[in-house]
Amino acid sequence: MAALLINILGTAVHADNSTEKNTGIKAADTSLVLLKEGNIRFMKGSSVYPNQTSHQRKLLALKGQTPLATIVTAADSRVDPVLIFDRGLGDLYTIRTAGNVAGSDALASVEFSMLSLNTPLLIVMGNTGSPIIKAAVNKTKMKGHMVQLLGKLEPAIKMTRVMNPSLEGDKLVNKVAETNVRQVMRDILGHCPEVLNKIRSGKAQIMGAIYDTDSGAVYWLGP
């Protein structure tokens, strides 16, 4: 799975402006460090809740937003990136859909955040114990728009079953969530050429992750 993503990314091309490239890499690295530190605080129950004052709110209203990172994740009440990474107002641009899938609205939101807001880091984060993925794995009968949503998870389910034929139950569901993170990363890079070019040129970075809803830990899957 990782090899397919590497093939999409290809070998990083040299940007004409090396300063801009170095700035992008440094900004992404700094953002990732801040998020990792925040997740450690969250796990320990020692969150400091930065950037949540009335001053920060007024500042953002006046000057606009410059998020540290764009996070594509699930619409799940247990999964709140701002809390998980112990950040505040204006820090994270979050894109959330049930099942953590990349439809046209999600892709457009990624393009807006990465290109217009110029966020340096793109994170696709799945989570353990996803009820939507469990329903898709168990082929639970759904109605309305849910039918199409579950269909978007089918490629990840098939790939996981092929690569891990012995997995069952919750272990299978959680492995599908991980496979789906890679699928969403490929979908973004395959359908958003300007985002791909930005990452290839070193002006931004992409990272996959899984959030453990029990421990509160974020496990990093790499680019």
N, C-alpha and C. Protein backbone atom coordinates (compact mmCIF):
# COMPACT_ATOMS: atom_id res chain seq x y z
N MET A 1 0.83 -1.20 0.00
CA MET A 1 0.00 0.00 0.00
C MET A 1 0.87 1.26 0.00
N ALA A 2 1.89 1.26 0.86
CA ALA A 2 2.76 2.43 0.94
C ALA A 2 3.50 2.64 -0.36
N ALA A 3 3.87 1.53 -1.04
CA ALA A 3 4.61 1.64 -2.29
C ALA A 3 3.79 2.34 -3.36
N LEU A 4 2.47 2.07 -3.38
CA LEU A 4 1.61 2.72 -4.35
C LEU A 4 1.59 4.22 -4.14
N LEU A 5 1.55 4.63 -2.87
CA LEU A 5 1.52 6.05 -2.57
C LEU A 5 2.84 6.70 -2.96
N ILE A 6 3.95 6.00 -2.71
CA ILE A 6 5.25 6.53 -3.09
C ILE A 6 5.33 6.71 -4.59
N ASN A 7 4.74 5.78 -5.35
CA ASN A 7 4.74 5.91 -6.81
C ASN A 7 3.99 7.15 -7.25
N ILE A 8 2.92 7.49 -6.54
CA ILE A 8 2.16 8.69 -6.88
C ILE A 8 2.99 9.93 -6.59
N LEU A 9 3.60 9.92 -5.42
CA LEU A 9 4.41 11.08 -5.05
C LEU A 9 5.63 11.22 -5.94
N GLY A 10 6.20 10.10 -6.34
CA GLY A 10 7.38 10.13 -7.19
C GLY A 10 8.57 10.70 -6.45
N THR A 11 9.61 10.96 -7.17
CA THR A 11 10.80 11.59 -6.61
C THR A 11 10.57 13.08 -6.52
N ALA A 12 10.87 13.65 -5.38
CA ALA A 12 10.65 15.09 -5.18
C ALA A 12 11.43 15.89 -6.21
N VAL A 13 10.75 16.80 -6.89
CA VAL A 13 11.41 17.63 -7.89
C VAL A 13 12.01 18.84 -7.20
N HIS A 14 13.04 19.42 -7.81
CA HIS A 14 13.68 20.59 -7.24
C HIS A 14 12.85 21.83 -7.56
N ALA A 15 12.42 22.52 -6.53
CA ALA A 15 11.66 23.75 -6.73
C ALA A 15 12.60 24.85 -7.21
N ASP A 16 12.08 25.72 -8.05
CA ASP A 16 12.90 26.82 -8.54
C ASP A 16 13.34 27.71 -7.38
N ASN A 17 12.47 27.86 -6.43
CA ASN A 17 12.79 28.69 -5.29
C ASN A 17 13.11 27.79 -4.11
N SER A 18 14.40 27.55 -3.86
CA SER A 18 14.80 26.63 -2.80
C SER A 18 14.42 27.17 -1.43
N THR A 19 14.39 28.48 -1.28
CA THR A 19 14.01 29.08 0.00
C THR A 19 12.58 28.74 0.34
N GLU A 20 11.70 28.82 -0.67
CA GLU A 20 10.29 28.49 -0.45
C GLU A 20 10.13 27.02 -0.08
N LYS A 21 10.91 26.15 -0.72
CA LYS A 21 10.86 24.73 -0.42
C LYS A 21 11.30 24.46 1.01
N ASN A 22 12.43 25.05 1.40
CA ASN A 22 12.95 24.84 2.74
C ASN A 22 11.99 25.38 3.80
N THR A 23 11.35 26.51 3.49
CA THR A 23 10.38 27.09 4.41
C THR A 23 9.19 26.16 4.60
N GLY A 24 8.73 25.55 3.48
CA GLY A 24 7.60 24.62 3.54
C GLY A 24 7.92 23.39 4.38
N ILE A 25 9.10 22.83 4.18
CA ILE A 25 9.51 21.65 4.94
C ILE A 25 9.62 21.98 6.42
N LYS A 26 10.24 23.12 6.73
CA LYS A 26 10.40 23.53 8.13
C LYS A 26 9.06 23.76 8.79
N ALA A 27 8.13 24.40 8.07
CA ALA A 27 6.81 24.67 8.63
C ALA A 27 6.05 23.38 8.90
N ALA A 28 6.14 22.42 7.96
CA ALA A 28 5.47 21.13 8.15
C ALA A 28 6.06 20.37 9.33
N ASP A 29 7.39 20.38 9.43
CA ASP A 29 8.05 19.70 10.55
C ASP A 29 7.66 20.31 11.88
N THR A 30 7.60 21.65 11.92
CA THR A 30 7.21 22.35 13.14
C THR A 30 5.78 22.01 13.53
N SER A 31 4.90 21.99 12.54
CA SER A 31 3.49 21.65 12.79
C SER A 31 3.37 20.24 13.36
N LEU A 32 4.11 19.30 12.77
CA LEU A 32 4.03 17.91 13.21
C LEU A 32 4.53 17.77 14.65
N VAL A 33 5.59 18.46 14.98
CA VAL A 33 6.11 18.43 16.36
C VAL A 33 5.07 18.96 17.33
N LEU A 34 4.43 20.08 16.99
CA LEU A 34 3.41 20.66 17.86
C LEU A 34 2.24 19.70 18.06
N LEU A 35 1.85 19.01 17.00
CA LEU A 35 0.73 18.08 17.10
C LEU A 35 1.10 16.86 17.94
N LYS A 36 2.31 16.35 17.76
CA LYS A 36 2.76 15.20 18.56
C LYS A 36 2.85 15.56 20.03
N GLU A 37 3.37 16.74 20.32
CA GLU A 37 3.46 17.19 21.71
C GLU A 37 2.07 17.36 22.32
N GLY A 38 1.15 17.92 21.54
CA GLY A 38 -0.21 18.12 22.01
C GLY A 38 -0.91 16.80 22.28
N ASN A 39 -0.69 15.80 21.44
CA ASN A 39 -1.32 14.49 21.64
C ASN A 39 -0.80 13.82 22.90
N ILE A 40 0.49 13.99 23.19
CA ILE A 40 1.05 13.44 24.43
C ILE A 40 0.37 14.07 25.65
N ARG A 41 0.19 15.40 25.60
CA ARG A 41 -0.51 16.08 26.71
C ARG A 41 -1.93 15.56 26.85
N PHE A 42 -2.62 15.38 25.72
CA PHE A 42 -4.00 14.90 25.73
C PHE A 42 -4.08 13.51 26.36
N MET A 43 -3.17 12.62 25.97
CA MET A 43 -3.17 11.26 26.50
C MET A 43 -2.95 11.26 28.01
N LYS A 44 -2.08 12.16 28.48
CA LYS A 44 -1.75 12.22 29.90
C LYS A 44 -2.79 12.98 30.72
N GLY A 45 -3.76 13.59 30.05
CA GLY A 45 -4.76 14.37 30.76
C GLY A 45 -4.23 15.70 31.24
N SER A 46 -3.20 16.21 30.54
CA SER A 46 -2.58 17.48 30.95
C SER A 46 -2.66 18.52 29.84
N SER A 47 -3.77 18.54 29.11
CA SER A 47 -3.96 19.51 28.04
C SER A 47 -3.89 20.94 28.57
N VAL A 48 -3.34 21.83 27.76
CA VAL A 48 -3.22 23.24 28.17
C VAL A 48 -4.18 24.15 27.40
N TYR A 49 -4.87 23.60 26.40
CA TYR A 49 -5.90 24.33 25.65
C TYR A 49 -5.40 25.69 25.13
N PRO A 50 -4.39 25.67 24.27
CA PRO A 50 -3.84 26.94 23.77
C PRO A 50 -4.79 27.63 22.79
N ASN A 51 -4.59 28.92 22.62
CA ASN A 51 -5.31 29.71 21.60
C ASN A 51 -6.82 29.59 21.70
N GLN A 52 -7.33 29.62 22.91
CA GLN A 52 -8.77 29.55 23.10
C GLN A 52 -9.30 30.74 23.91
N THR A 53 -8.57 31.84 23.86
CA THR A 53 -8.96 33.04 24.58
C THR A 53 -9.82 33.95 23.70
N SER A 54 -10.46 34.92 24.30
CA SER A 54 -11.24 35.90 23.55
C SER A 54 -10.32 36.72 22.65
N HIS A 55 -9.08 36.96 23.10
CA HIS A 55 -8.12 37.70 22.27
C HIS A 55 -7.83 36.93 20.99
N GLN A 56 -7.62 35.61 21.10
CA GLN A 56 -7.35 34.79 19.91
C GLN A 56 -8.54 34.81 18.97
N ARG A 57 -9.74 34.76 19.51
CA ARG A 57 -10.95 34.78 18.69
C ARG A 57 -11.04 36.08 17.91
N LYS A 58 -10.80 37.20 18.58
CA LYS A 58 -10.87 38.51 17.91
C LYS A 58 -9.75 38.67 16.88
N LEU A 59 -8.57 38.14 17.19
CA LEU A 59 -7.45 38.23 16.27
C LEU A 59 -7.74 37.47 14.98
N LEU A 60 -8.32 36.30 15.11
CA LEU A 60 -8.66 35.50 13.93
C LEU A 60 -9.75 36.18 13.10
N ALA A 61 -10.70 36.80 13.77
CA ALA A 61 -11.76 37.51 13.06
C ALA A 61 -11.20 38.69 12.28
N LEU A 62 -10.17 39.30 12.82
CA LEU A 62 -9.57 40.48 12.19
C LEU A 62 -8.60 40.10 11.07
N LYS A 63 -7.74 39.12 11.32
CA LYS A 63 -6.65 38.81 10.38
C LYS A 63 -6.88 37.55 9.55
N GLY A 64 -7.88 36.76 9.89
CA GLY A 64 -8.12 35.53 9.14
C GLY A 64 -7.32 34.37 9.70
N GLN A 65 -7.44 33.22 9.04
CA GLN A 65 -6.85 31.99 9.56
C GLN A 65 -5.59 31.57 8.81
N THR A 66 -4.64 31.03 9.54
CA THR A 66 -3.42 30.43 8.96
C THR A 66 -3.16 29.13 9.72
N PRO A 67 -3.90 28.09 9.42
CA PRO A 67 -3.81 26.84 10.19
C PRO A 67 -2.44 26.18 10.11
N LEU A 68 -2.09 25.46 11.18
CA LEU A 68 -0.86 24.69 11.23
C LEU A 68 -0.93 23.49 10.30
N ALA A 69 -2.13 22.93 10.16
CA ALA A 69 -2.28 21.69 9.39
C ALA A 69 -3.72 21.52 8.93
N THR A 70 -3.86 20.74 7.86
CA THR A 70 -5.16 20.29 7.39
C THR A 70 -5.33 18.84 7.82
N ILE A 71 -6.45 18.52 8.45
CA ILE A 71 -6.67 17.16 8.92
C ILE A 71 -7.96 16.61 8.32
N VAL A 72 -7.83 15.55 7.55
CA VAL A 72 -8.97 14.84 6.98
C VAL A 72 -9.25 13.65 7.88
N THR A 73 -10.43 13.60 8.47
CA THR A 73 -10.72 12.55 9.43
C THR A 73 -12.21 12.23 9.43
N ALA A 74 -12.61 11.37 10.36
CA ALA A 74 -13.99 10.91 10.40
C ALA A 74 -14.91 11.87 11.13
N ALA A 75 -16.17 11.89 10.71
CA ALA A 75 -17.21 12.60 11.44
C ALA A 75 -17.69 11.67 12.55
N ASP A 76 -16.98 11.71 13.66
CA ASP A 76 -17.23 10.80 14.78
C ASP A 76 -17.13 11.65 16.05
N SER A 77 -18.13 11.59 16.91
CA SER A 77 -18.15 12.45 18.09
C SER A 77 -16.99 12.19 19.05
N ARG A 78 -16.33 11.04 18.91
CA ARG A 78 -15.18 10.70 19.77
C ARG A 78 -13.87 11.20 19.19
N VAL A 79 -13.92 11.71 17.96
CA VAL A 79 -12.70 12.09 17.24
C VAL A 79 -12.73 13.58 16.95
N ASP A 80 -12.12 14.37 17.81
CA ASP A 80 -12.05 15.82 17.64
C ASP A 80 -10.59 16.23 17.59
N PRO A 81 -10.05 16.51 16.39
CA PRO A 81 -8.63 16.82 16.26
C PRO A 81 -8.13 17.95 17.15
N VAL A 82 -8.96 18.98 17.35
CA VAL A 82 -8.52 20.10 18.19
C VAL A 82 -8.24 19.63 19.61
N LEU A 83 -9.08 18.73 20.13
CA LEU A 83 -8.86 18.19 21.47
C LEU A 83 -7.73 17.16 21.47
N ILE A 84 -7.74 16.27 20.48
CA ILE A 84 -6.75 15.19 20.42
C ILE A 84 -5.33 15.74 20.35
N PHE A 85 -5.15 16.86 19.64
CA PHE A 85 -3.82 17.45 19.49
C PHE A 85 -3.61 18.66 20.40
N ASP A 86 -4.55 18.89 21.30
CA ASP A 86 -4.47 19.99 22.26
C ASP A 86 -4.12 21.31 21.58
N ARG A 87 -4.94 21.71 20.62
CA ARG A 87 -4.75 22.97 19.92
C ARG A 87 -5.97 23.86 20.17
N GLY A 88 -6.04 24.99 19.45
CA GLY A 88 -7.12 25.94 19.71
C GLY A 88 -7.71 26.52 18.44
N LEU A 89 -8.36 27.66 18.59
CA LEU A 89 -9.02 28.32 17.47
C LEU A 89 -8.01 28.69 16.38
N GLY A 90 -8.33 28.35 15.14
CA GLY A 90 -7.50 28.74 14.02
C GLY A 90 -6.28 27.86 13.79
N ASP A 91 -6.06 26.86 14.64
CA ASP A 91 -4.86 26.04 14.52
C ASP A 91 -4.98 24.93 13.48
N LEU A 92 -6.16 24.32 13.38
CA LEU A 92 -6.34 23.16 12.51
C LEU A 92 -7.53 23.36 11.58
N TYR A 93 -7.31 23.03 10.30
CA TYR A 93 -8.40 23.04 9.33
C TYR A 93 -8.87 21.60 9.20
N THR A 94 -10.04 21.31 9.75
CA THR A 94 -10.51 19.93 9.79
C THR A 94 -11.58 19.67 8.75
N ILE A 95 -11.46 18.51 8.10
CA ILE A 95 -12.40 18.07 7.07
C ILE A 95 -12.91 16.70 7.52
N ARG A 96 -14.20 16.63 7.83
CA ARG A 96 -14.71 15.41 8.46
C ARG A 96 -15.89 14.84 7.69
N THR A 97 -15.82 13.54 7.42
CA THR A 97 -16.91 12.82 6.76
C THR A 97 -17.10 11.48 7.46
N ALA A 98 -18.30 10.99 7.48
CA ALA A 98 -18.56 9.66 8.05
C ALA A 98 -17.75 8.61 7.28
N GLY A 99 -17.03 7.79 8.01
CA GLY A 99 -16.21 6.77 7.39
C GLY A 99 -14.87 7.25 6.90
N ASN A 100 -14.63 8.57 6.97
CA ASN A 100 -13.36 9.15 6.51
C ASN A 100 -13.09 8.80 5.05
N VAL A 101 -14.00 9.23 4.17
CA VAL A 101 -13.85 8.98 2.74
C VAL A 101 -13.65 10.30 2.00
N ALA A 102 -13.09 10.20 0.79
CA ALA A 102 -12.75 11.41 0.03
C ALA A 102 -13.71 11.60 -1.14
N GLY A 103 -14.85 12.24 -0.88
CA GLY A 103 -15.76 12.62 -1.94
C GLY A 103 -15.38 13.97 -2.52
N SER A 104 -16.16 14.47 -3.44
CA SER A 104 -15.82 15.72 -4.12
C SER A 104 -15.77 16.91 -3.17
N ASP A 105 -16.67 16.95 -2.20
CA ASP A 105 -16.67 18.06 -1.24
C ASP A 105 -15.41 18.03 -0.38
N ALA A 106 -15.00 16.85 0.04
CA ALA A 106 -13.80 16.72 0.85
C ALA A 106 -12.56 17.11 0.05
N LEU A 107 -12.51 16.69 -1.22
CA LEU A 107 -11.37 17.02 -2.07
C LEU A 107 -11.28 18.53 -2.30
N ALA A 108 -12.43 19.16 -2.53
CA ALA A 108 -12.44 20.62 -2.72
C ALA A 108 -11.98 21.33 -1.45
N SER A 109 -12.35 20.79 -0.30
CA SER A 109 -11.94 21.40 0.97
C SER A 109 -10.44 21.26 1.17
N VAL A 110 -9.88 20.12 0.77
CA VAL A 110 -8.42 19.93 0.84
C VAL A 110 -7.72 20.94 -0.04
N GLU A 111 -8.22 21.12 -1.26
CA GLU A 111 -7.60 22.09 -2.17
C GLU A 111 -7.66 23.50 -1.60
N PHE A 112 -8.79 23.85 -1.03
CA PHE A 112 -8.92 25.20 -0.45
C PHE A 112 -7.91 25.41 0.67
N SER A 113 -7.82 24.44 1.57
CA SER A 113 -6.94 24.61 2.73
C SER A 113 -5.46 24.59 2.34
N MET A 114 -5.10 23.69 1.42
CA MET A 114 -3.69 23.53 1.06
C MET A 114 -3.21 24.62 0.11
N LEU A 115 -4.10 25.10 -0.75
CA LEU A 115 -3.70 26.05 -1.79
C LEU A 115 -4.07 27.49 -1.44
N SER A 116 -5.24 27.71 -0.92
CA SER A 116 -5.66 29.08 -0.59
C SER A 116 -5.19 29.51 0.80
N LEU A 117 -5.32 28.61 1.76
CA LEU A 117 -4.85 28.92 3.12
C LEU A 117 -3.38 28.56 3.32
N ASN A 118 -2.85 27.80 2.37
CA ASN A 118 -1.42 27.48 2.35
C ASN A 118 -0.95 26.72 3.60
N THR A 119 -1.76 25.76 4.06
CA THR A 119 -1.32 24.95 5.19
C THR A 119 -0.16 24.05 4.75
N PRO A 120 0.86 23.89 5.59
CA PRO A 120 2.07 23.17 5.19
C PRO A 120 2.00 21.66 5.40
N LEU A 121 0.99 21.18 6.14
CA LEU A 121 0.93 19.77 6.50
C LEU A 121 -0.48 19.23 6.29
N LEU A 122 -0.57 18.11 5.58
CA LEU A 122 -1.85 17.45 5.32
C LEU A 122 -1.84 16.09 6.02
N ILE A 123 -2.77 15.89 6.92
CA ILE A 123 -2.86 14.64 7.67
C ILE A 123 -4.19 13.96 7.35
N VAL A 124 -4.12 12.68 7.01
CA VAL A 124 -5.32 11.85 6.85
C VAL A 124 -5.34 10.90 8.05
N MET A 125 -6.35 11.04 8.89
CA MET A 125 -6.37 10.29 10.15
C MET A 125 -7.62 9.45 10.30
N GLY A 126 -7.43 8.13 10.32
CA GLY A 126 -8.52 7.22 10.61
C GLY A 126 -8.61 7.00 12.11
N ASN A 127 -9.51 6.10 12.54
CA ASN A 127 -9.63 5.81 13.97
C ASN A 127 -10.09 4.39 14.19
N THR A 128 -9.76 3.88 15.37
CA THR A 128 -10.19 2.54 15.72
C THR A 128 -11.68 2.53 16.06
N GLY A 129 -12.26 1.36 15.95
CA GLY A 129 -13.65 1.19 16.35
C GLY A 129 -14.65 1.98 15.55
N SER A 130 -14.40 2.17 14.25
CA SER A 130 -15.32 2.95 13.42
C SER A 130 -16.62 2.20 13.17
N PRO A 131 -17.76 2.73 13.58
CA PRO A 131 -19.03 2.03 13.34
C PRO A 131 -19.40 1.99 11.86
N ILE A 132 -18.97 2.99 11.10
CA ILE A 132 -19.27 3.01 9.67
C ILE A 132 -18.48 1.91 8.95
N ILE A 133 -17.20 1.80 9.28
CA ILE A 133 -16.38 0.75 8.66
C ILE A 133 -16.88 -0.64 9.09
N LYS A 134 -17.28 -0.77 10.35
CA LYS A 134 -17.82 -2.05 10.82
C LYS A 134 -19.06 -2.44 10.04
N ALA A 135 -19.92 -1.46 9.79
CA ALA A 135 -21.14 -1.73 9.01
C ALA A 135 -20.79 -2.15 7.59
N ALA A 136 -19.77 -1.51 7.00
CA ALA A 136 -19.35 -1.86 5.64
C ALA A 136 -18.74 -3.25 5.59
N VAL A 137 -17.91 -3.57 6.58
CA VAL A 137 -17.28 -4.90 6.64
C VAL A 137 -18.34 -5.99 6.79
N ASN A 138 -19.33 -5.73 7.64
CA ASN A 138 -20.38 -6.72 7.90
C ASN A 138 -21.50 -6.70 6.87
N LYS A 139 -21.35 -5.80 5.88
CA LYS A 139 -22.36 -5.65 4.82
C LYS A 139 -23.76 -5.40 5.40
N THR A 140 -23.80 -4.54 6.41
CA THR A 140 -25.07 -4.16 7.01
C THR A 140 -25.93 -3.42 6.00
N LYS A 141 -27.19 -3.77 5.92
CA LYS A 141 -28.07 -3.15 4.95
C LYS A 141 -28.36 -1.71 5.34
N MET A 142 -28.11 -0.79 4.40
CA MET A 142 -28.31 0.64 4.65
C MET A 142 -29.28 1.22 3.62
N LYS A 143 -29.75 2.43 3.92
CA LYS A 143 -30.65 3.11 3.01
C LYS A 143 -30.13 4.52 2.72
N GLY A 144 -30.68 5.12 1.70
CA GLY A 144 -30.35 6.51 1.37
C GLY A 144 -28.91 6.70 0.95
N HIS A 145 -28.34 7.81 1.34
CA HIS A 145 -26.97 8.15 0.94
C HIS A 145 -25.93 7.24 1.58
N MET A 146 -26.31 6.53 2.64
CA MET A 146 -25.38 5.62 3.29
C MET A 146 -24.92 4.49 2.38
N VAL A 147 -25.76 4.12 1.43
CA VAL A 147 -25.40 3.05 0.50
C VAL A 147 -24.17 3.44 -0.30
N GLN A 148 -24.16 4.66 -0.82
CA GLN A 148 -23.02 5.15 -1.60
C GLN A 148 -21.78 5.32 -0.71
N LEU A 149 -21.99 5.79 0.50
CA LEU A 149 -20.87 5.98 1.42
C LEU A 149 -20.16 4.66 1.72
N LEU A 150 -20.92 3.63 2.04
CA LEU A 150 -20.33 2.33 2.34
C LEU A 150 -19.62 1.76 1.11
N GLY A 151 -20.15 2.09 -0.08
CA GLY A 151 -19.50 1.62 -1.31
C GLY A 151 -18.10 2.19 -1.48
N LYS A 152 -17.87 3.40 -0.97
CA LYS A 152 -16.54 4.02 -1.08
C LYS A 152 -15.51 3.30 -0.22
N LEU A 153 -15.97 2.54 0.77
CA LEU A 153 -15.07 1.81 1.65
C LEU A 153 -14.72 0.42 1.12
N GLU A 154 -15.42 -0.02 0.09
CA GLU A 154 -15.24 -1.38 -0.42
C GLU A 154 -13.82 -1.68 -0.90
N PRO A 155 -13.15 -0.74 -1.63
CA PRO A 155 -11.77 -1.03 -2.06
C PRO A 155 -10.83 -1.31 -0.89
N ALA A 156 -10.96 -0.55 0.19
CA ALA A 156 -10.12 -0.76 1.37
C ALA A 156 -10.42 -2.09 2.04
N ILE A 157 -11.70 -2.46 2.05
CA ILE A 157 -12.09 -3.75 2.65
C ILE A 157 -11.52 -4.91 1.85
N LYS A 158 -11.65 -4.85 0.52
CA LYS A 158 -11.13 -5.92 -0.33
C LYS A 158 -9.61 -6.05 -0.20
N MET A 159 -8.91 -4.92 -0.22
CA MET A 159 -7.46 -4.95 -0.10
C MET A 159 -7.02 -5.52 1.24
N THR A 160 -7.70 -5.13 2.30
CA THR A 160 -7.35 -5.62 3.63
C THR A 160 -7.57 -7.12 3.74
N ARG A 161 -8.66 -7.61 3.20
CA ARG A 161 -8.94 -9.05 3.24
C ARG A 161 -7.88 -9.84 2.46
N VAL A 162 -7.44 -9.29 1.35
CA VAL A 162 -6.41 -9.97 0.54
C VAL A 162 -5.08 -10.01 1.29
N MET A 163 -4.71 -8.88 1.89
CA MET A 163 -3.41 -8.78 2.57
C MET A 163 -3.41 -9.43 3.95
N ASN A 164 -4.60 -9.53 4.56
CA ASN A 164 -4.69 -10.07 5.93
C ASN A 164 -5.88 -11.04 6.02
N PRO A 165 -5.80 -12.19 5.35
CA PRO A 165 -6.95 -13.09 5.26
C PRO A 165 -7.39 -13.69 6.60
N SER A 166 -6.54 -13.69 7.60
CA SER A 166 -6.89 -14.31 8.87
C SER A 166 -7.58 -13.36 9.85
N LEU A 167 -7.59 -12.06 9.52
CA LEU A 167 -8.17 -11.08 10.45
C LEU A 167 -9.69 -11.17 10.48
N GLU A 168 -10.24 -10.99 11.67
CA GLU A 168 -11.68 -11.00 11.85
C GLU A 168 -12.08 -9.97 12.90
N GLY A 169 -13.36 -9.69 12.99
CA GLY A 169 -13.90 -8.84 14.05
C GLY A 169 -13.28 -7.46 14.11
N ASP A 170 -13.02 -7.01 15.33
CA ASP A 170 -12.50 -5.65 15.54
C ASP A 170 -11.13 -5.46 14.91
N LYS A 171 -10.31 -6.50 14.91
CA LYS A 171 -8.97 -6.39 14.31
C LYS A 171 -9.08 -6.12 12.82
N LEU A 172 -10.04 -6.76 12.17
CA LEU A 172 -10.26 -6.52 10.74
C LEU A 172 -10.77 -5.10 10.51
N VAL A 173 -11.72 -4.66 11.32
CA VAL A 173 -12.28 -3.31 11.18
C VAL A 173 -11.19 -2.26 11.33
N ASN A 174 -10.33 -2.44 12.32
CA ASN A 174 -9.26 -1.46 12.56
C ASN A 174 -8.21 -1.49 11.46
N LYS A 175 -7.95 -2.66 10.89
CA LYS A 175 -6.99 -2.74 9.79
C LYS A 175 -7.57 -2.10 8.54
N VAL A 176 -8.86 -2.25 8.32
CA VAL A 176 -9.51 -1.59 7.19
C VAL A 176 -9.41 -0.08 7.34
N ALA A 177 -9.55 0.42 8.56
CA ALA A 177 -9.41 1.87 8.80
C ALA A 177 -8.03 2.35 8.38
N GLU A 178 -7.01 1.56 8.68
CA GLU A 178 -5.64 1.92 8.29
C GLU A 178 -5.48 1.87 6.77
N THR A 179 -6.01 0.82 6.15
CA THR A 179 -5.94 0.71 4.69
C THR A 179 -6.67 1.87 4.03
N ASN A 180 -7.81 2.26 4.63
CA ASN A 180 -8.60 3.35 4.07
C ASN A 180 -7.86 4.67 4.15
N VAL A 181 -7.04 4.87 5.19
CA VAL A 181 -6.22 6.08 5.27
C VAL A 181 -5.33 6.18 4.04
N ARG A 182 -4.68 5.07 3.70
CA ARG A 182 -3.82 5.05 2.51
C ARG A 182 -4.64 5.30 1.24
N GLN A 183 -5.86 4.74 1.20
CA GLN A 183 -6.72 4.94 0.04
C GLN A 183 -7.10 6.41 -0.12
N VAL A 184 -7.45 7.06 0.99
CA VAL A 184 -7.83 8.47 0.94
C VAL A 184 -6.63 9.33 0.54
N MET A 185 -5.45 9.00 1.02
CA MET A 185 -4.25 9.73 0.63
C MET A 185 -4.03 9.62 -0.88
N ARG A 186 -4.21 8.42 -1.42
CA ARG A 186 -4.06 8.24 -2.87
C ARG A 186 -5.14 8.99 -3.63
N ASP A 187 -6.37 8.96 -3.10
CA ASP A 187 -7.47 9.67 -3.76
C ASP A 187 -7.18 11.17 -3.84
N ILE A 188 -6.68 11.72 -2.74
CA ILE A 188 -6.36 13.15 -2.73
C ILE A 188 -5.28 13.48 -3.73
N LEU A 189 -4.19 12.73 -3.70
CA LEU A 189 -3.08 13.02 -4.59
C LEU A 189 -3.41 12.71 -6.04
N GLY A 190 -4.30 11.76 -6.26
CA GLY A 190 -4.68 11.40 -7.62
C GLY A 190 -5.68 12.34 -8.25
N HIS A 191 -6.47 13.03 -7.40
CA HIS A 191 -7.53 13.89 -7.92
C HIS A 191 -7.27 15.39 -7.69
N CYS A 192 -6.22 15.70 -6.97
CA CYS A 192 -5.88 17.10 -6.69
C CYS A 192 -4.45 17.37 -7.17
N PRO A 193 -4.26 17.58 -8.48
CA PRO A 193 -2.91 17.71 -9.02
C PRO A 193 -2.09 18.85 -8.44
N GLU A 194 -2.74 19.96 -8.09
CA GLU A 194 -1.98 21.08 -7.52
C GLU A 194 -1.50 20.77 -6.11
N VAL A 195 -2.28 20.01 -5.38
CA VAL A 195 -1.84 19.57 -4.05
C VAL A 195 -0.68 18.60 -4.19
N LEU A 196 -0.79 17.68 -5.15
CA LEU A 196 0.31 16.74 -5.42
C LEU A 196 1.59 17.49 -5.78
N ASN A 197 1.48 18.48 -6.65
CA ASN A 197 2.66 19.25 -7.06
C ASN A 197 3.29 19.98 -5.87
N LYS A 198 2.44 20.49 -5.00
CA LYS A 198 2.95 21.20 -3.83
C LYS A 198 3.74 20.27 -2.93
N ILE A 199 3.25 19.04 -2.77
CA ILE A 199 3.94 18.07 -1.92
C ILE A 199 5.21 17.56 -2.62
N ARG A 200 5.12 17.31 -3.90
CA ARG A 200 6.30 16.86 -4.66
C ARG A 200 7.43 17.88 -4.62
N SER A 201 7.07 19.14 -4.66
CA SER A 201 8.07 20.20 -4.69
C SER A 201 8.65 20.50 -3.31
N GLY A 202 8.13 19.83 -2.28
CA GLY A 202 8.65 20.04 -0.94
C GLY A 202 8.05 21.22 -0.21
N LYS A 203 7.01 21.82 -0.77
CA LYS A 203 6.38 22.99 -0.13
C LYS A 203 5.33 22.58 0.90
N ALA A 204 5.04 21.29 0.97
CA ALA A 204 4.10 20.77 1.96
C ALA A 204 4.39 19.29 2.15
N GLN A 205 3.86 18.72 3.22
CA GLN A 205 4.04 17.30 3.48
C GLN A 205 2.69 16.65 3.73
N ILE A 206 2.63 15.32 3.50
CA ILE A 206 1.42 14.54 3.76
C ILE A 206 1.77 13.42 4.72
N MET A 207 0.84 13.09 5.61
CA MET A 207 1.10 12.08 6.62
C MET A 207 -0.19 11.33 6.94
N GLY A 208 -0.08 10.01 7.08
CA GLY A 208 -1.22 9.20 7.50
C GLY A 208 -1.13 8.91 8.99
N ALA A 209 -2.29 8.69 9.62
CA ALA A 209 -2.31 8.43 11.06
C ALA A 209 -3.57 7.67 11.44
N ILE A 210 -3.49 7.00 12.59
CA ILE A 210 -4.64 6.33 13.19
C ILE A 210 -4.79 6.79 14.63
N TYR A 211 -5.99 7.19 14.99
CA TYR A 211 -6.29 7.60 16.36
C TYR A 211 -6.93 6.43 17.10
N ASP A 212 -6.35 6.08 18.24
CA ASP A 212 -6.89 5.01 19.08
C ASP A 212 -7.92 5.63 20.02
N THR A 213 -9.18 5.28 19.82
CA THR A 213 -10.26 5.90 20.60
C THR A 213 -10.25 5.47 22.05
N ASP A 214 -9.51 4.41 22.38
CA ASP A 214 -9.41 3.95 23.76
C ASP A 214 -8.28 4.65 24.50
N SER A 215 -7.07 4.59 23.95
CA SER A 215 -5.90 5.16 24.64
C SER A 215 -5.74 6.66 24.42
N GLY A 216 -6.30 7.17 23.33
CA GLY A 216 -6.12 8.58 22.99
C GLY A 216 -4.87 8.84 22.18
N ALA A 217 -4.11 7.79 21.89
CA ALA A 217 -2.86 7.95 21.16
C ALA A 217 -3.09 8.05 19.65
N VAL A 218 -2.25 8.85 19.00
CA VAL A 218 -2.24 8.92 17.54
C VAL A 218 -1.00 8.16 17.06
N TYR A 219 -1.22 7.16 16.22
CA TYR A 219 -0.13 6.37 15.66
C TYR A 219 0.11 6.84 14.23
N TRP A 220 1.35 7.15 13.94
CA TRP A 220 1.70 7.76 12.65
C TRP A 220 2.10 6.69 11.64
N LEU A 221 1.50 6.73 10.47
CA LEU A 221 1.73 5.74 9.41
C LEU A 221 2.77 6.18 8.41
N GLY A 222 3.16 7.44 8.46
CA GLY A 222 4.13 7.96 7.49
C GLY A 222 3.46 8.50 6.25
N PRO A 223 4.26 8.98 5.28
CA PRO A 223 3.71 9.55 4.04
C PRO A 223 3.22 8.46 3.09
